[in-house]
Amino acid sequence: MKSKNHVFLVGLLLGGLALPARACDICGCFMGITPYDNQSTVSLMHRYRIFNGYRALDQKPRFFPTGARPFFPSTLNGDNGYAHSHKGNSGDFEAFRVVELRGKYFLSRRVELNAFVPYVMNTSQINGKQLNSSGVGDVTVFAGYHLIRQIETAGVQSRLIVGGGAKLPTGEYTRLNDRGRRYPLLNQLGTGTTDGFIYANYIAGFHSFGLSINSSYRRSTENTFRNSLAPSTATFANVFYRIPMGTDWQIYPSAQFFYEKTKGEMLEGQLTGEHAMDNALLGPGLDLYYKNISLNTSFQLPIYTAETDHPASAGRMVVSVGYSFNQSKYLLHRKAER
């Protein structure tokens, strides 16, 4: 069985632009399984991540709290008196949406280059006051090397990809409210930091069954305000099954697990106690393929969330459409690469 991977950070934060989006989708989780192998691709992905409900007050998280929209905020940019002051209001939520253009290009059978260009739409609502910030976020670039490429064998196939890259400070991180105060880091479009990350992804298939496990580690520099994010880790696991539907269609139902951990924001090298995360999510996925066109979907809800004084993780949803090229030639070609 052939499979193809889509990297997302673990995705830490995850591409996206707010801390929760980075912690899960930036550097190295692979979203979606495809029947194509070693094919350059272009895709457009939408990710919705929601935080709602205070665990210390026994509030249940809601995936669609009142005022949160999964695809677009009520206004792209706006502030109706927002103040960052958590008081346990059950209507508080933080929604992080990213529409991301992704490209993957294979220089050779074993070397791939990737770039993510995100458009961010963040919403934070506290005590009934809402802040929306939208715009181009931090671009991510990285490369991967296919260390193990055992795919043209009967029975068990396997692939091990290792790599790394950087999130670049291309998104605005200096937005001010009407009183001249800078919005909190998670309400900005970018962090103003250059983040480096490494990742490893192992994919195995046996007949129609498959497994993909990806782990990543990320470190951040400081921005001009001496803000940064603490080191973070993320792990993504995907168990899938291939259902062929004729010569052109294939369906891949899956169960997907995601775990992320970070101690949150830092100021002048010291932890601030803001936005620490220790979350595990689980849910179904469904990928559809017609010839070279793909539709990837996943929906995950929390199964574990460490208690903090901020709204808890309430889930994530991903929808992606992509096109894979019938690549047969590479810029770097060696007969030994197989």
C-alpha atoms as a PDB file:
ATOM      1  CA  MET A   1       0.000   0.000   0.000  1.00  0.00           C
ATOM      2  CA  LYS A   2       1.204   3.435  -0.817  1.00  0.00           C
ATOM      3  CA  SER A   3       0.701   6.368   1.494  1.00  0.00           C
ATOM      4  CA  LYS A   4       1.475  10.028   1.431  1.00  0.00           C
ATOM      5  CA  ASN A   5       1.917  12.412   4.269  1.00  0.00           C
ATOM      6  CA  HIS A   6       0.879  15.996   4.927  1.00  0.00           C
ATOM      7  CA  VAL A   7       2.932  17.654   7.634  1.00  0.00           C
ATOM      8  CA  PHE A   8       1.195  19.698  10.147  1.00  0.00           C
ATOM      9  CA  LEU A   9       3.462  20.637  14.100  1.00  0.00           C
ATOM     10  CA  VAL A  10       2.746  19.604  15.887  1.00  0.00           C
ATOM     11  CA  GLY A  11       1.643  21.195  14.415  1.00  0.00           C
ATOM     12  CA  LEU A  12       2.693  23.178  17.051  1.00  0.00           C
ATOM     13  CA  LEU A  13       1.700  25.151  17.055  1.00  0.00           C
ATOM     14  CA  LEU A  14       0.483  23.728  14.521  1.00  0.00           C
ATOM     15  CA  GLY A  15       1.161  26.927  10.654  1.00  0.00           C
ATOM     16  CA  GLY A  16      -1.545  28.465  12.681  1.00  0.00           C
ATOM     17  CA  LEU A  17      -0.638  31.536  14.438  1.00  0.00           C
ATOM     18  CA  ALA A  18      -1.779  31.422  17.925  1.00  0.00           C
ATOM     19  CA  LEU A  19      -0.065  29.310  20.517  1.00  0.00           C
ATOM     20  CA  PRO A  20      -2.729  26.585  20.460  1.00  0.00           C
ATOM     21  CA  ALA A  21      -2.518  26.405  16.710  1.00  0.00           C
ATOM     22  CA  ARG A  22       1.231  26.228  16.774  1.00  0.00           C
ATOM     23  CA  ALA A  23       1.381  23.661  19.395  1.00  0.00           C
ATOM     24  CA  CYS A  24      -0.521  21.305  17.270  1.00  0.00           C
ATOM     25  CA  ASP A  25      -0.002  22.115  13.642  1.00  0.00           C
ATOM     26  CA  ILE A  26       3.311  23.545  12.762  1.00  0.00           C
ATOM     27  CA  CYS A  27       5.992  21.161  12.440  1.00  0.00           C
ATOM     28  CA  GLY A  28       5.537  17.583  12.039  1.00  0.00           C
ATOM     29  CA  CYS A  29       2.213  15.921  12.401  1.00  0.00           C
ATOM     30  CA  PHE A  30       0.932  14.355   9.241  1.00  0.00           C
ATOM     31  CA  MET A  31      -2.702  14.937   8.454  1.00  0.00           C
ATOM     32  CA  GLY A  32      -4.353  12.689   5.868  1.00  0.00           C
ATOM     33  CA  ILE A  33      -3.322   9.467   4.156  1.00  0.00           C
ATOM     34  CA  THR A  34      -3.282   9.236   0.384  1.00  0.00           C
ATOM     35  CA  PRO A  35      -2.700   6.525  -2.199  1.00  0.00           C
ATOM     36  CA  TYR A  36       0.049   8.576  -3.846  1.00  0.00           C
ATOM     37  CA  ASP A  37       3.700   8.146  -2.998  1.00  0.00           C
ATOM     38  CA  ASN A  38       6.543  10.627  -3.542  1.00  0.00           C
ATOM     39  CA  GLN A  39       4.302  13.067  -5.365  1.00  0.00           C
ATOM     40  CA  SER A  40       4.661  16.816  -5.153  1.00  0.00           C
ATOM     41  CA  THR A  41       1.415  18.415  -3.996  1.00  0.00           C
ATOM     42  CA  VAL A  42      -0.400  21.660  -3.411  1.00  0.00           C
ATOM     43  CA  SER A  43      -3.285  21.896  -0.945  1.00  0.00           C
ATOM     44  CA  LEU A  44      -5.555  24.326   0.868  1.00  0.00           C
ATOM     45  CA  MET A  45      -6.351  23.484   4.480  1.00  0.00           C
ATOM     46  CA  HIS A  46      -8.774  24.984   6.992  1.00  0.00           C
ATOM     47  CA  ARG A  47      -8.238  24.272  10.690  1.00  0.00           C
ATOM     48  CA  TYR A  48     -10.561  25.232  13.563  1.00  0.00           C
ATOM     49  CA  ARG A  49      -9.293  24.923  17.143  1.00  0.00           C
ATOM     50  CA  ILE A  50     -11.503  25.887  20.084  1.00  0.00           C
ATOM     51  CA  PHE A  51     -10.905  26.400  23.815  1.00  0.00           C
ATOM     52  CA  ASN A  52     -13.916  26.793  26.111  1.00  0.00           C
ATOM     53  CA  GLY A  53     -14.954  26.073  29.704  1.00  0.00           C
ATOM     54  CA  TYR A  54     -12.966  26.396  32.936  1.00  0.00           C
ATOM     55  CA  ARG A  55     -12.082  22.978  34.313  1.00  0.00           C
ATOM     56  CA  ALA A  56     -11.438  24.337  37.816  1.00  0.00           C
ATOM     57  CA  LEU A  57     -15.121  25.363  37.877  1.00  0.00           C
ATOM     58  CA  ASP A  58     -16.322  22.016  36.424  1.00  0.00           C
ATOM     59  CA  GLN A  59     -17.532  23.700  33.243  1.00  0.00           C
ATOM     60  CA  LYS A  60     -17.973  21.367  30.289  1.00  0.00           C
ATOM     61  CA  PRO A  61     -16.151  22.399  27.097  1.00  0.00           C
ATOM     62  CA  ARG A  62     -18.329  23.093  24.069  1.00  0.00           C
ATOM     63  CA  PHE A  63     -17.122  22.666  20.499  1.00  0.00           C
ATOM     64  CA  PHE A  64     -19.402  25.461  19.220  1.00  0.00           C
ATOM     65  CA  PRO A  65     -19.812  27.963  22.092  1.00  0.00           C
ATOM     66  CA  THR A  66     -22.139  30.891  21.433  1.00  0.00           C
ATOM     67  CA  GLY A  67     -20.374  33.484  19.285  1.00  0.00           C
ATOM     68  CA  ALA A  68     -17.700  31.126  17.927  1.00  0.00           C
ATOM     69  CA  ARG A  69     -17.840  30.342  14.230  1.00  0.00           C
ATOM     70  CA  PRO A  70     -15.857  27.399  12.805  1.00  0.00           C
ATOM     71  CA  PHE A  71     -14.910  28.969   9.464  1.00  0.00           C
ATOM     72  CA  PHE A  72     -14.951  32.774   9.722  1.00  0.00           C
ATOM     73  CA  PRO A  73     -15.288  35.183  12.686  1.00  0.00           C
ATOM     74  CA  SER A  74     -18.157  37.658  12.925  1.00  0.00           C
ATOM     75  CA  THR A  75     -15.755  40.373  11.780  1.00  0.00           C
ATOM     76  CA  LEU A  76     -12.235  39.931  10.429  1.00  0.00           C
ATOM     77  CA  ASN A  77     -10.787  42.627  12.699  1.00  0.00           C
ATOM     78  CA  GLY A  78     -12.596  44.248  15.591  1.00  0.00           C
ATOM     79  CA  ASP A  79     -12.536  45.051  19.309  1.00  0.00           C
ATOM     80  CA  ASN A  80     -15.710  45.800  21.282  1.00  0.00           C
ATOM     81  CA  GLY A  81     -14.021  46.532  24.592  1.00  0.00           C
ATOM     82  CA  TYR A  82     -12.112  43.266  25.043  1.00  0.00           C
ATOM     83  CA  ALA A  83      -9.952  42.926  28.164  1.00  0.00           C
ATOM     84  CA  HIS A  84      -7.779  39.893  28.955  1.00  0.00           C
ATOM     85  CA  SER A  85      -9.190  39.096  32.411  1.00  0.00           C
ATOM     86  CA  HIS A  86     -10.397  35.540  33.088  1.00  0.00           C
ATOM     87  CA  LYS A  87     -13.132  35.493  35.753  1.00  0.00           C
ATOM     88  CA  GLY A  88     -14.705  32.104  35.084  1.00  0.00           C
ATOM     89  CA  ASN A  89     -17.431  33.261  32.682  1.00  0.00           C
ATOM     90  CA  SER A  90     -18.845  30.126  31.027  1.00  0.00           C
ATOM     91  CA  GLY A  91     -19.249  32.070  27.764  1.00  0.00           C
ATOM     92  CA  ASP A  92     -15.501  32.721  27.440  1.00  0.00           C
ATOM     93  CA  PHE A  93     -13.774  31.053  24.500  1.00  0.00           C
ATOM     94  CA  GLU A  94     -10.689  31.254  22.312  1.00  0.00           C
ATOM     95  CA  ALA A  95     -11.094  30.208  18.667  1.00  0.00           C
ATOM     96  CA  PHE A  96      -8.135  29.846  16.316  1.00  0.00           C
ATOM     97  CA  ARG A  97      -8.841  29.426  12.609  1.00  0.00           C
ATOM     98  CA  VAL A  98      -6.240  29.042   9.890  1.00  0.00           C
ATOM     99  CA  VAL A  99      -6.666  28.871   6.130  1.00  0.00           C
ATOM    100  CA  GLU A 100      -3.319  27.586   4.953  1.00  0.00           C
ATOM    101  CA  LEU A 101      -1.795  27.197   1.503  1.00  0.00           C
ATOM    102  CA  ARG A 102       0.601  24.248   1.592  1.00  0.00           C
ATOM    103  CA  GLY A 103       3.144  23.088  -0.943  1.00  0.00           C
ATOM    104  CA  LYS A 104       5.348  19.991  -1.034  1.00  0.00           C
ATOM    105  CA  TYR A 105       8.050  19.407  -3.643  1.00  0.00           C
ATOM    106  CA  PHE A 106      10.267  16.347  -3.961  1.00  0.00           C
ATOM    107  CA  LEU A 107      13.835  17.159  -4.966  1.00  0.00           C
ATOM    108  CA  SER A 108      14.483  13.418  -5.165  1.00  0.00           C
ATOM    109  CA  ARG A 109      12.774  10.200  -4.127  1.00  0.00           C
ATOM    110  CA  ARG A 110      14.013  10.747  -0.572  1.00  0.00           C
ATOM    111  CA  VAL A 111      14.225  14.540  -0.139  1.00  0.00           C
ATOM    112  CA  GLU A 112      11.151  16.757   0.191  1.00  0.00           C
ATOM    113  CA  LEU A 113      10.722  20.503   0.686  1.00  0.00           C
ATOM    114  CA  ASN A 114       7.606  21.999   2.314  1.00  0.00           C
ATOM    115  CA  ALA A 115       6.180  25.476   2.803  1.00  0.00           C
ATOM    116  CA  PHE A 116       3.021  26.631   4.645  1.00  0.00           C
ATOM    117  CA  VAL A 117       1.555  30.124   4.133  1.00  0.00           C
ATOM    118  CA  PRO A 118      -1.270  30.747   6.655  1.00  0.00           C
ATOM    119  CA  TYR A 119      -4.080  33.276   6.800  1.00  0.00           C
ATOM    120  CA  VAL A 120      -5.087  33.522  10.459  1.00  0.00           C
ATOM    121  CA  MET A 121      -8.462  34.376  11.975  1.00  0.00           C
ATOM    122  CA  ASN A 122      -8.316  34.447  15.788  1.00  0.00           C
ATOM    123  CA  THR A 123     -11.184  35.233  18.145  1.00  0.00           C
ATOM    124  CA  SER A 124     -10.989  35.697  21.914  1.00  0.00           C
ATOM    125  CA  GLN A 125     -14.132  36.373  23.942  1.00  0.00           C
ATOM    126  CA  ILE A 126     -13.881  37.121  27.645  1.00  0.00           C
ATOM    127  CA  ASN A 127     -16.701  38.415  29.876  1.00  0.00           C
ATOM    128  CA  GLY A 128     -18.877  39.049  26.828  1.00  0.00           C
ATOM    129  CA  LYS A 129     -16.288  41.249  25.070  1.00  0.00           C
ATOM    130  CA  GLN A 130     -14.808  39.970  21.833  1.00  0.00           C
ATOM    131  CA  LEU A 131     -11.566  40.604  19.957  1.00  0.00           C
ATOM    132  CA  ASN A 132     -11.020  39.452  16.360  1.00  0.00           C
ATOM    133  CA  SER A 133      -7.693  39.619  14.559  1.00  0.00           C
ATOM    134  CA  SER A 134      -7.115  38.391  11.010  1.00  0.00           C
ATOM    135  CA  GLY A 135      -4.301  38.506   8.466  1.00  0.00           C
ATOM    136  CA  VAL A 136      -1.292  36.683   7.076  1.00  0.00           C
ATOM    137  CA  GLY A 137       0.553  34.786   9.773  1.00  0.00           C
ATOM    138  CA  ASP A 138       3.958  33.188  10.262  1.00  0.00           C
ATOM    139  CA  VAL A 139       5.249  31.211   7.277  1.00  0.00           C
ATOM    140  CA  THR A 140       6.744  27.771   7.941  1.00  0.00           C
ATOM    141  CA  VAL A 141       9.409  26.078   5.814  1.00  0.00           C
ATOM    142  CA  PHE A 142      11.018  22.687   6.386  1.00  0.00           C
ATOM    143  CA  ALA A 143      12.643  19.706   4.718  1.00  0.00           C
ATOM    144  CA  GLY A 144      12.378  15.982   5.268  1.00  0.00           C
ATOM    145  CA  TYR A 145      14.585  13.017   4.376  1.00  0.00           C
ATOM    146  CA  HIS A 146      13.060   9.564   3.817  1.00  0.00           C
ATOM    147  CA  LEU A 147      15.523   7.513   5.823  1.00  0.00           C
ATOM    148  CA  ILE A 148      13.596   4.264   5.348  1.00  0.00           C
ATOM    149  CA  ARG A 149      11.704   3.784   2.091  1.00  0.00           C
ATOM    150  CA  GLN A 150      10.458   0.214   1.983  1.00  0.00           C
ATOM    151  CA  ILE A 151       7.351   0.622  -0.125  1.00  0.00           C
ATOM    152  CA  GLU A 152       7.757  -1.645  -3.138  1.00  0.00           C
ATOM    153  CA  THR A 153       7.487  -4.875  -1.149  1.00  0.00           C
ATOM    154  CA  ALA A 154       4.692  -7.362  -0.596  1.00  0.00           C
ATOM    155  CA  GLY A 155       3.093  -7.563   2.828  1.00  0.00           C
ATOM    156  CA  VAL A 156       4.534  -4.958   5.192  1.00  0.00           C
ATOM    157  CA  GLN A 157       5.626  -1.563   3.847  1.00  0.00           C
ATOM    158  CA  SER A 158       7.319   1.087   5.944  1.00  0.00           C
ATOM    159  CA  ARG A 159       8.691   4.594   5.706  1.00  0.00           C
ATOM    160  CA  LEU A 160      10.668   6.708   8.184  1.00  0.00           C
ATOM    161  CA  ILE A 161      10.972  10.438   7.541  1.00  0.00           C
ATOM    162  CA  VAL A 162      13.184  12.730   9.615  1.00  0.00           C
ATOM    163  CA  GLY A 163      13.598  16.457   9.175  1.00  0.00           C
ATOM    164  CA  GLY A 164      13.372  19.945  10.523  1.00  0.00           C
ATOM    165  CA  GLY A 165      12.703  23.539   9.662  1.00  0.00           C
ATOM    166  CA  ALA A 166      11.672  26.930  10.928  1.00  0.00           C
ATOM    167  CA  LYS A 167       8.657  29.138  11.516  1.00  0.00           C
ATOM    168  CA  LEU A 168       9.515  32.627  10.275  1.00  0.00           C
ATOM    169  CA  PRO A 169       8.345  35.922  11.901  1.00  0.00           C
ATOM    170  CA  THR A 170       6.258  37.112   8.932  1.00  0.00           C
ATOM    171  CA  GLY A 171       2.994  37.738  10.816  1.00  0.00           C
ATOM    172  CA  GLU A 172       2.189  41.020  12.589  1.00  0.00           C
ATOM    173  CA  TYR A 173       2.758  40.858  16.351  1.00  0.00           C
ATOM    174  CA  THR A 174       2.523  44.537  17.374  1.00  0.00           C
ATOM    175  CA  ARG A 175      -1.218  45.271  17.127  1.00  0.00           C
ATOM    176  CA  LEU A 176      -2.511  47.777  19.707  1.00  0.00           C
ATOM    177  CA  ASN A 177      -5.928  48.480  21.151  1.00  0.00           C
ATOM    178  CA  ASP A 178      -7.472  51.982  21.109  1.00  0.00           C
ATOM    179  CA  ARG A 179      -5.729  52.721  24.411  1.00  0.00           C
ATOM    180  CA  GLY A 180      -2.312  52.111  22.901  1.00  0.00           C
ATOM    181  CA  ARG A 181      -1.664  48.800  24.663  1.00  0.00           C
ATOM    182  CA  ARG A 182      -0.408  45.798  22.739  1.00  0.00           C
ATOM    183  CA  TYR A 183      -2.764  42.851  22.535  1.00  0.00           C
ATOM    184  CA  PRO A 184      -1.652  39.605  24.263  1.00  0.00           C
ATOM    185  CA  LEU A 185       0.651  37.328  22.285  1.00  0.00           C
ATOM    186  CA  LEU A 186      -2.090  34.833  21.380  1.00  0.00           C
ATOM    187  CA  ASN A 187      -4.274  37.592  19.943  1.00  0.00           C
ATOM    188  CA  GLN A 188      -1.579  38.636  17.490  1.00  0.00           C
ATOM    189  CA  LEU A 189      -1.256  37.250  13.949  1.00  0.00           C
ATOM    190  CA  GLY A 190       2.296  36.078  14.598  1.00  0.00           C
ATOM    191  CA  THR A 191       4.712  35.744  17.473  1.00  0.00           C
ATOM    192  CA  GLY A 192       7.626  37.795  16.106  1.00  0.00           C
ATOM    193  CA  THR A 193       9.904  34.854  16.899  1.00  0.00           C
ATOM    194  CA  THR A 194      11.898  32.468  14.735  1.00  0.00           C
ATOM    195  CA  ASP A 195      11.102  28.934  15.854  1.00  0.00           C
ATOM    196  CA  GLY A 196      13.181  25.894  14.958  1.00  0.00           C
ATOM    197  CA  PHE A 197      11.793  22.371  15.070  1.00  0.00           C
ATOM    198  CA  ILE A 198      12.705  18.783  14.311  1.00  0.00           C
ATOM    199  CA  TYR A 199      10.374  15.867  13.643  1.00  0.00           C
ATOM    200  CA  ALA A 200      10.245  12.168  12.835  1.00  0.00           C
ATOM    201  CA  ASN A 201       7.386  10.352  11.113  1.00  0.00           C
ATOM    202  CA  TYR A 202       7.031   6.571  10.811  1.00  0.00           C
ATOM    203  CA  ILE A 203       4.415   5.056   8.489  1.00  0.00           C
ATOM    204  CA  ALA A 204       3.704   1.332   8.189  1.00  0.00           C
ATOM    205  CA  GLY A 205       1.194  -0.580   6.109  1.00  0.00           C
ATOM    206  CA  PHE A 206       0.021  -4.184   6.051  1.00  0.00           C
ATOM    207  CA  HIS A 207      -2.368  -4.954   3.207  1.00  0.00           C
ATOM    208  CA  SER A 208      -5.254  -2.483   3.717  1.00  0.00           C
ATOM    209  CA  PHE A 209      -4.315  -1.471   7.263  1.00  0.00           C
ATOM    210  CA  GLY A 210      -1.889   1.290   8.158  1.00  0.00           C
ATOM    211  CA  LEU A 211      -0.353   3.270  11.003  1.00  0.00           C
ATOM    212  CA  SER A 212       1.330   6.687  11.045  1.00  0.00           C
ATOM    213  CA  ILE A 213       3.114   8.092  14.109  1.00  0.00           C
ATOM    214  CA  ASN A 214       4.729  11.512  14.167  1.00  0.00           C
ATOM    215  CA  SER A 215       6.545  13.365  16.960  1.00  0.00           C
ATOM    216  CA  SER A 216       8.104  16.820  16.944  1.00  0.00           C
ATOM    217  CA  TYR A 217      10.021  19.173  19.226  1.00  0.00           C
ATOM    218  CA  ARG A 218      10.184  22.955  18.908  1.00  0.00           C
ATOM    219  CA  ARG A 219      12.152  25.820  20.444  1.00  0.00           C
ATOM    220  CA  SER A 220      11.523  29.542  20.082  1.00  0.00           C
ATOM    221  CA  THR A 221      13.660  32.675  20.015  1.00  0.00           C
ATOM    222  CA  GLU A 222      12.569  35.948  21.669  1.00  0.00           C
ATOM    223  CA  ASN A 223      10.846  38.774  19.807  1.00  0.00           C
ATOM    224  CA  THR A 224      11.611  42.484  20.257  1.00  0.00           C
ATOM    225  CA  PHE A 225       9.390  42.580  23.368  1.00  0.00           C
ATOM    226  CA  ARG A 226      11.381  39.648  24.810  1.00  0.00           C
ATOM    227  CA  ASN A 227       8.305  37.417  24.492  1.00  0.00           C
ATOM    228  CA  SER A 228       8.750  33.796  23.478  1.00  0.00           C
ATOM    229  CA  LEU A 229       7.113  30.407  23.763  1.00  0.00           C
ATOM    230  CA  ALA A 230       8.433  27.631  25.963  1.00  0.00           C
ATOM    231  CA  PRO A 231       9.780  24.497  24.257  1.00  0.00           C
ATOM    232  CA  SER A 232       6.930  22.310  23.075  1.00  0.00           C
ATOM    233  CA  THR A 233       6.382  18.731  21.970  1.00  0.00           C
ATOM    234  CA  ALA A 234       3.574  17.068  20.065  1.00  0.00           C
ATOM    235  CA  THR A 235       2.723  13.552  18.931  1.00  0.00           C
ATOM    236  CA  PHE A 236       0.203  12.495  16.312  1.00  0.00           C
ATOM    237  CA  ALA A 237      -0.938   8.906  15.681  1.00  0.00           C
ATOM    238  CA  ASN A 238      -3.234   7.749  12.895  1.00  0.00           C
ATOM    239  CA  VAL A 239      -4.646   4.237  12.390  1.00  0.00           C
ATOM    240  CA  PHE A 240      -6.310   3.862   8.993  1.00  0.00           C
ATOM    241  CA  TYR A 241      -7.928   1.401   6.600  1.00  0.00           C
ATOM    242  CA  ARG A 242      -7.952   1.569   2.807  1.00  0.00           C
ATOM    243  CA  ILE A 243     -11.207   0.920   0.931  1.00  0.00           C
ATOM    244  CA  PRO A 244     -10.752   0.871  -2.888  1.00  0.00           C
ATOM    245  CA  MET A 245     -13.823   1.997  -4.846  1.00  0.00           C
ATOM    246  CA  GLY A 246     -13.210   1.078  -8.471  1.00  0.00           C
ATOM    247  CA  THR A 247     -10.205   2.334 -10.412  1.00  0.00           C
ATOM    248  CA  ASP A 248     -10.410   6.031  -9.528  1.00  0.00           C
ATOM    249  CA  TRP A 249     -11.849   6.305  -6.003  1.00  0.00           C
ATOM    250  CA  GLN A 250     -10.317   5.350  -2.660  1.00  0.00           C
ATOM    251  CA  ILE A 251     -11.613   5.955   0.864  1.00  0.00           C
ATOM    252  CA  TYR A 252      -9.519   5.976   4.049  1.00  0.00           C
ATOM    253  CA  PRO A 253     -11.450   5.989   7.348  1.00  0.00           C
ATOM    254  CA  SER A 254      -9.176   6.462  10.359  1.00  0.00           C
ATOM    255  CA  ALA A 255      -8.888   7.005  14.104  1.00  0.00           C
ATOM    256  CA  GLN A 256      -6.578   9.908  15.008  1.00  0.00           C
ATOM    257  CA  PHE A 257      -4.872  10.738  18.298  1.00  0.00           C
ATOM    258  CA  PHE A 258      -3.069  13.982  19.108  1.00  0.00           C
ATOM    259  CA  TYR A 259      -1.073  14.998  22.197  1.00  0.00           C
ATOM    260  CA  GLU A 260       0.573  18.378  22.838  1.00  0.00           C
ATOM    261  CA  LYS A 261       2.507  19.824  25.743  1.00  0.00           C
ATOM    262  CA  THR A 262       4.081  23.209  26.436  1.00  0.00           C
ATOM    263  CA  LYS A 263       4.632  25.362  29.526  1.00  0.00           C
ATOM    264  CA  GLY A 264       3.256  28.359  27.626  1.00  0.00           C
ATOM    265  CA  GLU A 265       4.442  31.925  27.220  1.00  0.00           C
ATOM    266  CA  MET A 266       7.725  33.362  28.454  1.00  0.00           C
ATOM    267  CA  LEU A 267       8.895  36.921  29.138  1.00  0.00           C
ATOM    268  CA  GLU A 268      12.587  37.738  29.419  1.00  0.00           C
ATOM    269  CA  GLY A 269      13.337  34.036  29.659  1.00  0.00           C
ATOM    270  CA  GLN A 270      10.901  33.381  32.537  1.00  0.00           C
ATOM    271  CA  LEU A 271       7.590  31.526  32.377  1.00  0.00           C
ATOM    272  CA  THR A 272       4.560  33.797  32.779  1.00  0.00           C
ATOM    273  CA  GLY A 273       2.090  31.021  33.630  1.00  0.00           C
ATOM    274  CA  GLU A 274      -0.044  32.008  30.628  1.00  0.00           C
ATOM    275  CA  HIS A 275      -1.401  29.419  28.185  1.00  0.00           C
ATOM    276  CA  ALA A 276       0.366  26.293  29.376  1.00  0.00           C
ATOM    277  CA  MET A 277      -1.047  23.236  27.619  1.00  0.00           C
ATOM    278  CA  ASP A 278      -1.115  19.505  28.318  1.00  0.00           C
ATOM    279  CA  ASN A 279      -3.856  18.071  26.109  1.00  0.00           C
ATOM    280  CA  ALA A 280      -4.784  14.808  24.411  1.00  0.00           C
ATOM    281  CA  LEU A 281      -7.454  14.573  21.703  1.00  0.00           C
ATOM    282  CA  LEU A 282      -9.027  11.646  19.856  1.00  0.00           C
ATOM    283  CA  GLY A 283     -11.463  11.366  16.988  1.00  0.00           C
ATOM    284  CA  PRO A 284     -12.321  10.044  13.521  1.00  0.00           C
ATOM    285  CA  GLY A 285     -10.926  11.010  10.161  1.00  0.00           C
ATOM    286  CA  LEU A 286     -12.093  10.371   6.614  1.00  0.00           C
ATOM    287  CA  ASP A 287      -9.983  10.902   3.505  1.00  0.00           C
ATOM    288  CA  LEU A 288     -11.385  10.663  -0.023  1.00  0.00           C
ATOM    289  CA  TYR A 289      -9.305  10.386  -3.194  1.00  0.00           C
ATOM    290  CA  TYR A 290     -10.409  10.707  -6.790  1.00  0.00           C
ATOM    291  CA  LYS A 291      -7.542  10.309  -9.227  1.00  0.00           C
ATOM    292  CA  ASN A 292      -5.089  13.063  -8.176  1.00  0.00           C
ATOM    293  CA  ILE A 293      -7.592  15.060  -6.089  1.00  0.00           C
ATOM    294  CA  SER A 294      -7.924  14.582  -2.334  1.00  0.00           C
ATOM    295  CA  LEU A 295     -10.349  15.618   0.397  1.00  0.00           C
ATOM    296  CA  ASN A 296      -9.048  15.138   3.953  1.00  0.00           C
ATOM    297  CA  THR A 297     -11.187  15.597   7.055  1.00  0.00           C
ATOM    298  CA  SER A 298     -10.708  14.996  10.776  1.00  0.00           C
ATOM    299  CA  PHE A 299     -12.587  15.805  13.973  1.00  0.00           C
ATOM    300  CA  GLN A 300     -11.095  15.388  17.444  1.00  0.00           C
ATOM    301  CA  LEU A 301     -12.410  15.934  20.952  1.00  0.00           C
ATOM    302  CA  PRO A 302     -10.421  16.077  24.214  1.00  0.00           C
ATOM    303  CA  ILE A 303      -9.870  12.917  26.241  1.00  0.00           C
ATOM    304  CA  TYR A 304      -7.441  14.555  28.682  1.00  0.00           C
ATOM    305  CA  THR A 305      -6.831  18.202  29.597  1.00  0.00           C
ATOM    306  CA  ALA A 306      -4.633  19.420  32.434  1.00  0.00           C
ATOM    307  CA  GLU A 307      -6.319  21.987  34.660  1.00  0.00           C
ATOM    308  CA  THR A 308      -5.377  25.662  34.136  1.00  0.00           C
ATOM    309  CA  ASP A 309      -7.042  29.024  34.801  1.00  0.00           C
ATOM    310  CA  HIS A 310      -7.759  29.461  31.066  1.00  0.00           C
ATOM    311  CA  PRO A 311     -10.511  27.969  28.871  1.00  0.00           C
ATOM    312  CA  ALA A 312      -9.857  24.264  28.298  1.00  0.00           C
ATOM    313  CA  SER A 313      -9.208  22.520  25.011  1.00  0.00           C
ATOM    314  CA  ALA A 314     -12.601  21.707  23.451  1.00  0.00           C
ATOM    315  CA  GLY A 315     -11.516  20.121  20.160  1.00  0.00           C
ATOM    316  CA  ARG A 316     -10.240  20.674  16.644  1.00  0.00           C
ATOM    317  CA  MET A 317     -11.551  20.188  13.122  1.00  0.00           C
ATOM    318  CA  VAL A 318      -9.584  20.024   9.863  1.00  0.00           C
ATOM    319  CA  VAL A 319     -10.752  20.117   6.243  1.00  0.00           C
ATOM    320  CA  SER A 320      -8.261  20.046   3.371  1.00  0.00           C
ATOM    321  CA  VAL A 321      -8.415  19.761  -0.414  1.00  0.00           C
ATOM    322  CA  GLY A 322      -5.327  18.958  -2.443  1.00  0.00           C
ATOM    323  CA  TYR A 323      -3.903  18.019  -5.821  1.00  0.00           C
ATOM    324  CA  SER A 324      -0.998  15.607  -6.365  1.00  0.00           C
ATOM    325  CA  PHE A 325       1.176  15.847  -9.447  1.00  0.00           C
ATOM    326  CA  ASN A 326       2.250  12.788 -11.399  1.00  0.00           C
ATOM    327  CA  GLN A 327       5.901  13.405 -10.673  1.00  0.00           C
ATOM    328  CA  SER A 328       8.319  11.040 -12.409  1.00  0.00           C
ATOM    329  CA  LYS A 329      11.447  13.218 -12.613  1.00  0.00           C
ATOM    330  CA  TYR A 330      13.458  14.915  -9.859  1.00  0.00           C
ATOM    331  CA  LEU A 331      16.000  17.726  -9.756  1.00  0.00           C
ATOM    332  CA  LEU A 332      18.268  15.479  -7.719  1.00  0.00           C
ATOM    333  CA  HIS A 333      18.405  11.998  -9.170  1.00  0.00           C
ATOM    334  CA  ARG A 334      20.686   9.166  -8.142  1.00  0.00           C
ATOM    335  CA  LYS A 335      20.361   5.563  -9.212  1.00  0.00           C
ATOM    336  CA  ALA A 336      21.129   4.500  -5.665  1.00  0.00           C
ATOM    337  CA  GLU A 337      18.013   6.225  -4.349  1.00  0.00           C
ATOM    338  CA  ARG A 338      15.242   3.687  -4.255  1.00  0.00           C
END
